[in-house]
Amino acid sequence: MTVTAVLRRKTVVRDPAEFEKRAQALDARLLPYLMKQPGFVSREMRLEGGAGEMVETTTWASEDDCRRYLRGGAAAMAATWLDAFLPTAPYPDGTWVRSVEPTPA
């Protein structure tokens, strides 16, 4: 069973066109790195609403692969790039919330 890690946060980039431009540049940097991670299946990122809310989902082949990504340092590297391309909103809106759940069949 695959597992999905969901990251929610706000970014200062609120314009959909600018978000898409930056998201594509991030993909060019991040996807080759993720493809080297054991068990990586897919990644999606989208802007929600008009206040800069964004959601990033990564899907993994197993719970162990997801745990290795989150705790082994790869997620921290990915988050560093994410914040460089799509900066986090200032306090109090800068909270990052991650959840992990089984992927619906």
C-alpha atoms as a PDB file:
ATOM      1  CA  MET A   1       0.000   0.000   0.000  1.00  0.00           C
ATOM      2  CA  THR A   2       1.344   3.424  -0.918  1.00  0.00           C
ATOM      3  CA  VAL A   3       1.567   6.266   1.592  1.00  0.00           C
ATOM      4  CA  THR A   4       1.078   9.981   0.989  1.00  0.00           C
ATOM      5  CA  ALA A   5       2.797  12.764   2.926  1.00  0.00           C
ATOM      6  CA  VAL A   6       0.852  16.038   2.814  1.00  0.00           C
ATOM      7  CA  LEU A   7       2.531  19.351   3.604  1.00  0.00           C
ATOM      8  CA  ARG A   8       0.373  22.451   4.102  1.00  0.00           C
ATOM      9  CA  ARG A   9       1.652  25.976   4.598  1.00  0.00           C
ATOM     10  CA  LYS A  10       1.265  29.550   3.409  1.00  0.00           C
ATOM     11  CA  THR A  11       3.642  31.240   1.020  1.00  0.00           C
ATOM     12  CA  VAL A  12       4.148  34.923   0.294  1.00  0.00           C
ATOM     13  CA  VAL A  13       3.558  34.132  -3.401  1.00  0.00           C
ATOM     14  CA  ARG A  14      -0.174  34.635  -3.912  1.00  0.00           C
ATOM     15  CA  ASP A  15      -0.412  35.347  -7.629  1.00  0.00           C
ATOM     16  CA  PRO A  16      -1.291  32.050  -9.401  1.00  0.00           C
ATOM     17  CA  ALA A  17       0.863  32.807 -12.457  1.00  0.00           C
ATOM     18  CA  GLU A  18       3.902  33.656 -10.324  1.00  0.00           C
ATOM     19  CA  PHE A  19       3.266  30.585  -8.158  1.00  0.00           C
ATOM     20  CA  GLU A  20       3.169  28.345 -11.238  1.00  0.00           C
ATOM     21  CA  LYS A  21       6.374  29.880 -12.645  1.00  0.00           C
ATOM     22  CA  ARG A  22       8.220  29.321  -9.373  1.00  0.00           C
ATOM     23  CA  ALA A  23       6.711  25.859  -8.895  1.00  0.00           C
ATOM     24  CA  GLN A  24       8.015  24.781 -12.316  1.00  0.00           C
ATOM     25  CA  ALA A  25      11.497  26.053 -11.472  1.00  0.00           C
ATOM     26  CA  LEU A  26      11.343  24.153  -8.180  1.00  0.00           C
ATOM     27  CA  ASP A  27      10.249  20.974  -9.990  1.00  0.00           C
ATOM     28  CA  ALA A  28      13.299  21.178 -12.247  1.00  0.00           C
ATOM     29  CA  ARG A  29      15.510  21.205  -9.149  1.00  0.00           C
ATOM     30  CA  LEU A  30      13.536  18.914  -6.848  1.00  0.00           C
ATOM     31  CA  LEU A  31      12.207  16.074  -9.004  1.00  0.00           C
ATOM     32  CA  PRO A  32      15.616  14.624  -9.951  1.00  0.00           C
ATOM     33  CA  TYR A  33      16.483  14.594  -6.231  1.00  0.00           C
ATOM     34  CA  LEU A  34      13.200  12.919  -5.256  1.00  0.00           C
ATOM     35  CA  MET A  35      13.567  10.314  -7.990  1.00  0.00           C
ATOM     36  CA  LYS A  36      16.788   9.174  -6.291  1.00  0.00           C
ATOM     37  CA  GLN A  37      14.956   8.554  -2.999  1.00  0.00           C
ATOM     38  CA  PRO A  38      13.998   4.907  -2.372  1.00  0.00           C
ATOM     39  CA  GLY A  39      10.297   4.286  -2.893  1.00  0.00           C
ATOM     40  CA  PHE A  40       9.413   7.689  -4.390  1.00  0.00           C
ATOM     41  CA  VAL A  41       6.248   7.449  -6.505  1.00  0.00           C
ATOM     42  CA  SER A  42       5.013  10.981  -7.251  1.00  0.00           C
ATOM     43  CA  ARG A  43       4.782  14.623  -6.164  1.00  0.00           C
ATOM     44  CA  GLU A  44       2.111  17.272  -6.645  1.00  0.00           C
ATOM     45  CA  MET A  45       1.924  20.872  -5.493  1.00  0.00           C
ATOM     46  CA  ARG A  46      -0.951  23.308  -5.772  1.00  0.00           C
ATOM     47  CA  LEU A  47      -2.060  26.724  -4.567  1.00  0.00           C
ATOM     48  CA  GLU A  48      -5.377  26.768  -2.674  1.00  0.00           C
ATOM     49  CA  GLY A  49      -7.480  29.856  -2.156  1.00  0.00           C
ATOM     50  CA  GLY A  50      -6.259  33.392  -2.576  1.00  0.00           C
ATOM     51  CA  ALA A  51      -4.264  33.824   0.625  1.00  0.00           C
ATOM     52  CA  GLY A  52      -1.164  31.877  -0.411  1.00  0.00           C
ATOM     53  CA  GLU A  53      -2.198  28.508   1.020  1.00  0.00           C
ATOM     54  CA  MET A  54      -0.319  25.724  -0.701  1.00  0.00           C
ATOM     55  CA  VAL A  55      -0.408  21.949  -0.492  1.00  0.00           C
ATOM     56  CA  GLU A  56       2.406  19.598  -1.481  1.00  0.00           C
ATOM     57  CA  THR A  57       1.807  15.853  -1.624  1.00  0.00           C
ATOM     58  CA  THR A  58       4.461  13.207  -2.070  1.00  0.00           C
ATOM     59  CA  THR A  59       3.532   9.576  -2.539  1.00  0.00           C
ATOM     60  CA  TRP A  60       5.767   6.718  -1.432  1.00  0.00           C
ATOM     61  CA  ALA A  61       5.747   2.982  -2.138  1.00  0.00           C
ATOM     62  CA  SER A  62       5.620   2.099   1.566  1.00  0.00           C
ATOM     63  CA  GLU A  63       5.401   3.575   5.035  1.00  0.00           C
ATOM     64  CA  ASP A  64       9.083   2.759   5.569  1.00  0.00           C
ATOM     65  CA  ASP A  65      10.066   4.687   2.418  1.00  0.00           C
ATOM     66  CA  CYS A  66       8.053   7.688   3.589  1.00  0.00           C
ATOM     67  CA  ARG A  67       9.548   7.532   7.083  1.00  0.00           C
ATOM     68  CA  ARG A  68      13.072   7.311   5.623  1.00  0.00           C
ATOM     69  CA  TYR A  69      12.363  10.410   3.509  1.00  0.00           C
ATOM     70  CA  LEU A  70      10.930  12.398   6.431  1.00  0.00           C
ATOM     71  CA  ARG A  71      13.465  11.425   9.082  1.00  0.00           C
ATOM     72  CA  GLY A  72      16.596  10.766   7.069  1.00  0.00           C
ATOM     73  CA  GLY A  73      17.223  14.339   5.965  1.00  0.00           C
ATOM     74  CA  ALA A  74      15.836  14.251   2.407  1.00  0.00           C
ATOM     75  CA  ALA A  75      12.623  16.077   3.401  1.00  0.00           C
ATOM     76  CA  ALA A  76      14.675  18.803   5.100  1.00  0.00           C
ATOM     77  CA  MET A  77      16.690  19.332   1.906  1.00  0.00           C
ATOM     78  CA  ALA A  78      13.473  19.444  -0.147  1.00  0.00           C
ATOM     79  CA  ALA A  79      11.971  21.946   2.319  1.00  0.00           C
ATOM     80  CA  THR A  80      15.028  24.185   1.993  1.00  0.00           C
ATOM     81  CA  TRP A  81      14.570  24.344  -1.784  1.00  0.00           C
ATOM     82  CA  LEU A  82      10.804  24.781  -1.399  1.00  0.00           C
ATOM     83  CA  ASP A  83      11.287  27.770   0.886  1.00  0.00           C
ATOM     84  CA  ALA A  84      13.867  29.288  -1.488  1.00  0.00           C
ATOM     85  CA  PHE A  85      11.487  29.155  -4.464  1.00  0.00           C
ATOM     86  CA  LEU A  86       8.231  29.810  -2.569  1.00  0.00           C
ATOM     87  CA  PRO A  87       9.097  31.663   0.657  1.00  0.00           C
ATOM     88  CA  THR A  88       7.061  30.964   3.762  1.00  0.00           C
ATOM     89  CA  ALA A  89       4.598  33.617   4.886  1.00  0.00           C
ATOM     90  CA  PRO A  90       5.681  35.606   7.946  1.00  0.00           C
ATOM     91  CA  TYR A  91       4.489  34.871  11.469  1.00  0.00           C
ATOM     92  CA  PRO A  92       1.780  34.012  12.429  1.00  0.00           C
ATOM     93  CA  ASP A  93       1.021  32.450   9.025  1.00  0.00           C
ATOM     94  CA  GLY A  94       4.324  30.606   8.611  1.00  0.00           C
ATOM     95  CA  THR A  95       3.331  27.304  10.211  1.00  0.00           C
ATOM     96  CA  TRP A  96       4.221  24.141   8.279  1.00  0.00           C
ATOM     97  CA  VAL A  97       1.824  21.225   8.918  1.00  0.00           C
ATOM     98  CA  ARG A  98       2.644  17.731   7.646  1.00  0.00           C
ATOM     99  CA  SER A  99       0.443  14.651   7.821  1.00  0.00           C
ATOM    100  CA  VAL A 100       1.033  11.124   6.574  1.00  0.00           C
ATOM    101  CA  GLU A 101      -1.824   8.881   5.505  1.00  0.00           C
ATOM    102  CA  PRO A 102      -2.442   5.747   3.476  1.00  0.00           C
ATOM    103  CA  THR A 103      -3.146   6.582  -0.140  1.00  0.00           C
ATOM    104  CA  PRO A 104      -6.791   5.876  -1.038  1.00  0.00           C
ATOM    105  CA  ALA A 105      -7.157   2.926  -3.375  1.00  0.00           C
END
